[in-house]
N, C-alpha and C. Protein backbone atom coordinates (compact mmCIF):
# COMPACT_ATOMS: atom_id res chain seq x y z
N UNK A 1 -2.82 0.98 -8.41
CA UNK A 1 -3.02 2.42 -7.84
C UNK A 1 -1.89 3.19 -8.39
N UNK A 2 -1.97 4.65 -8.99
CA UNK A 2 -1.12 5.08 -9.71
C UNK A 2 -0.74 6.54 -8.70
N UNK A 3 0.28 7.02 -9.08
CA UNK A 3 0.81 8.30 -7.96
C UNK A 3 -0.61 9.37 -8.32
N UNK A 4 -0.84 9.51 -9.43
CA UNK A 4 -1.94 10.48 -9.44
C UNK A 4 -3.02 10.31 -8.18
N UNK A 5 -3.64 9.01 -8.21
CA UNK A 5 -4.70 8.58 -7.11
C UNK A 5 -4.13 8.93 -5.89
N UNK A 6 -2.99 8.80 -5.66
CA UNK A 6 -2.36 8.96 -4.58
C UNK A 6 -2.27 10.27 -3.99
N UNK A 7 -1.66 11.30 -4.91
CA UNK A 7 -1.80 12.38 -4.86
C UNK A 7 -3.25 13.45 -4.50
N UNK A 8 -3.93 12.69 -5.07
CA UNK A 8 -5.32 13.45 -4.93
C UNK A 8 -6.37 12.81 -3.50
N UNK A 9 -5.65 12.13 -2.79
CA UNK A 9 -6.59 11.80 -1.64
C UNK A 9 -6.13 12.71 -0.60
N UNK A 10 -6.89 12.81 0.51
CA UNK A 10 -6.37 13.57 1.69
C UNK A 10 -5.63 12.88 2.62
N UNK A 11 -5.06 13.58 3.38
CA UNK A 11 -4.17 12.79 4.43
C UNK A 11 -4.99 11.79 4.99
N UNK A 12 -6.04 12.00 5.51
CA UNK A 12 -6.75 11.05 6.35
C UNK A 12 -7.11 9.59 5.45
N UNK A 13 -7.35 9.82 4.47
CA UNK A 13 -7.59 9.00 3.27
C UNK A 13 -6.31 7.96 2.98
N UNK A 14 -4.93 8.92 2.88
CA UNK A 14 -3.73 8.11 3.10
C UNK A 14 -3.35 7.33 4.14
N UNK A 15 -3.83 7.68 5.39
CA UNK A 15 -3.41 6.67 6.53
C UNK A 15 -4.33 5.49 6.69
N UNK A 16 -5.54 6.13 6.25
CA UNK A 16 -6.69 4.62 5.97
C UNK A 16 -6.08 3.56 5.02
N UNK A 17 -5.73 4.09 3.80
CA UNK A 17 -5.42 3.30 2.67
C UNK A 17 -3.88 2.41 2.86
N UNK A 18 -3.46 3.23 3.82
CA UNK A 18 -1.97 2.78 4.03
C UNK A 18 -2.33 1.34 5.25
N UNK A 19 -3.21 1.54 6.28
CA UNK A 19 -3.69 0.53 7.21
C UNK A 19 -4.05 -0.68 6.29
N UNK A 20 -5.03 -0.36 5.23
CA UNK A 20 -5.82 -1.40 4.70
C UNK A 20 -4.78 -1.80 3.57
N UNK A 21 -3.88 -1.18 2.78
CA UNK A 21 -2.43 -2.21 2.25
C UNK A 21 -1.68 -3.24 3.15
N UNK A 22 -1.37 -2.46 4.54
CA UNK A 22 -0.73 -3.61 4.89
C UNK A 22 -1.39 -4.57 5.65
N UNK A 23 -2.86 -4.61 5.71
CA UNK A 23 -3.56 -5.48 6.22
C UNK A 23 -3.59 -6.79 5.06
N UNK A 24 -3.59 -6.00 3.93
CA UNK A 24 -3.76 -7.10 2.52
C UNK A 24 -2.50 -7.70 2.49
N UNK A 25 -1.53 -6.98 2.38
CA UNK A 25 0.15 -7.60 2.53
C UNK A 25 0.06 -8.87 3.45
N UNK A 26 0.01 -8.62 4.79
CA UNK A 26 -0.30 -9.56 5.64
C UNK A 26 -1.15 -10.78 5.28
N UNK A 27 -2.19 -10.41 4.79
CA UNK A 27 -3.32 -11.68 4.05
C UNK A 27 -2.29 -12.49 3.03
N UNK A 28 -1.94 -11.72 2.09
CA UNK A 28 -1.13 -12.34 0.79
C UNK A 28 0.28 -13.08 1.40
N UNK A 29 1.11 -12.75 2.47
CA UNK A 29 2.06 -13.36 2.88
C UNK A 29 1.34 -14.82 3.62
N UNK A 30 0.30 -14.67 4.31
CA UNK A 30 -0.51 -15.62 4.95
C UNK A 30 -0.70 -16.71 3.86
N UNK A 31 -1.33 -16.43 2.85
CA UNK A 31 -1.75 -17.36 1.80
C UNK A 31 -0.50 -17.88 1.20
N UNK A 32 0.47 -17.07 1.01
CA UNK A 32 1.58 -17.64 0.25
C UNK A 32 2.39 -18.75 0.90
N UNK A 33 2.16 -18.65 2.34
CA UNK A 33 2.89 -19.61 3.36
C UNK A 33 2.02 -20.96 3.27
N UNK A 34 1.01 -20.46 3.12
CA UNK A 34 0.04 -21.95 3.00
C UNK A 34 -0.01 -22.39 1.80
N UNK A 35 0.46 -21.79 0.81
CA UNK A 35 0.45 -22.48 -0.52
C UNK A 35 -1.01 -21.99 -1.28
N UNK A 36 -1.67 -21.16 -0.76
CA UNK A 36 -2.77 -20.67 -1.71
C UNK A 36 -2.81 -19.64 -2.41
N UNK A 37 -1.85 -19.13 -2.53
CA UNK A 37 -1.69 -17.88 -3.29
C UNK A 37 -1.50 -18.16 -4.96
N UNK A 38 -2.48 -17.35 -5.60
CA UNK A 38 -2.15 -17.97 -6.96
C UNK A 38 -0.96 -17.13 -7.82
N UNK A 39 -0.88 -15.73 -7.52
CA UNK A 39 -0.06 -14.73 -8.15
C UNK A 39 0.99 -14.22 -7.09
N UNK A 40 2.03 -14.90 -7.17
CA UNK A 40 3.31 -14.02 -6.62
C UNK A 40 3.55 -12.53 -6.90
N UNK A 41 2.82 -12.15 -7.95
CA UNK A 41 3.06 -10.80 -8.49
C UNK A 41 2.46 -9.63 -7.33
N UNK A 42 1.37 -10.32 -7.04
CA UNK A 42 0.36 -9.47 -6.26
C UNK A 42 1.03 -8.96 -4.88
N UNK A 43 1.86 -9.68 -4.40
CA UNK A 43 2.72 -9.08 -3.03
C UNK A 43 3.72 -8.01 -3.63
N UNK A 44 3.92 -8.17 -4.87
CA UNK A 44 5.08 -7.00 -5.04
C UNK A 44 4.49 -5.68 -5.53
N UNK A 45 3.33 -6.24 -6.06
CA UNK A 45 2.40 -4.81 -6.21
C UNK A 45 1.85 -4.05 -5.20
N UNK A 46 1.52 -4.73 -3.82
CA UNK A 46 1.13 -4.36 -2.99
C UNK A 46 2.31 -3.84 -1.93
N UNK A 47 3.38 -4.27 -2.16
CA UNK A 47 4.49 -3.23 -1.55
C UNK A 47 4.74 -2.09 -2.06
N UNK A 48 4.91 -2.13 -3.52
CA UNK A 48 5.05 -0.83 -4.31
C UNK A 48 3.74 0.27 -3.57
N UNK A 49 2.76 0.04 -3.57
CA UNK A 49 1.40 0.55 -3.24
C UNK A 49 1.73 1.26 -2.17
N UNK A 50 1.99 0.30 -1.06
CA UNK A 50 2.64 0.71 0.43
C UNK A 50 3.79 1.82 0.49
N UNK A 51 4.51 1.49 -0.66
CA UNK A 51 5.84 2.52 -0.76
C UNK A 51 5.14 4.01 -1.35
N UNK A 52 4.43 3.71 -2.32
CA UNK A 52 3.88 5.19 -2.92
C UNK A 52 2.92 5.89 -1.76
N UNK A 53 1.97 5.30 -1.19
CA UNK A 53 1.47 6.08 0.17
C UNK A 53 2.52 6.59 0.90
N UNK A 54 3.39 5.69 1.69
CA UNK A 54 4.54 6.11 2.28
C UNK A 54 5.15 7.47 1.77
N UNK A 55 5.20 7.29 0.69
CA UNK A 55 6.35 8.59 -0.09
C UNK A 55 5.35 9.65 -0.10
N UNK A 56 4.06 9.57 -0.38
CA UNK A 56 3.05 10.88 -0.29
C UNK A 56 2.96 11.50 1.31
N UNK A 57 2.77 10.48 2.07
CA UNK A 57 2.55 10.87 3.61
C UNK A 57 4.00 11.44 3.88
N UNK A 58 5.02 11.19 3.50
CA UNK A 58 6.44 11.95 4.32
C UNK A 58 6.51 12.97 3.45
N UNK A 59 6.29 13.21 2.08
CA UNK A 59 6.35 14.52 1.42
C UNK A 59 5.52 15.65 1.94
N UNK A 60 4.31 15.12 2.42
CA UNK A 60 3.34 16.12 2.99
C UNK A 60 3.55 16.57 3.75
N UNK A 61 4.56 15.73 4.90
CA UNK A 61 5.02 16.09 6.07
C UNK A 61 5.99 17.12 5.93
N UNK A 62 7.16 16.71 4.93
CA UNK A 62 8.23 17.87 4.89
C UNK A 62 7.31 19.14 4.30
N UNK A 63 6.43 19.07 3.58
CA UNK A 63 5.96 20.50 2.99
C UNK A 63 5.45 21.31 4.37
N UNK A 64 4.65 20.59 4.91
CA UNK A 64 4.00 21.44 6.26
C UNK A 64 4.99 22.18 7.22
């Protein structure tokens, strides 16, 4: 996910995407603990996507 994609989303879409990403991160951590995770980099990218979404949500809160 790129910054441009995040900026183009509405606030409701951002909140929904944040919930989806947090759920995905939980699943990735669970798979890592059980030894079924193929790519540990996917955890890092998921965390960064969560940070991007949180940053955009906060920027919109400050702008309003």
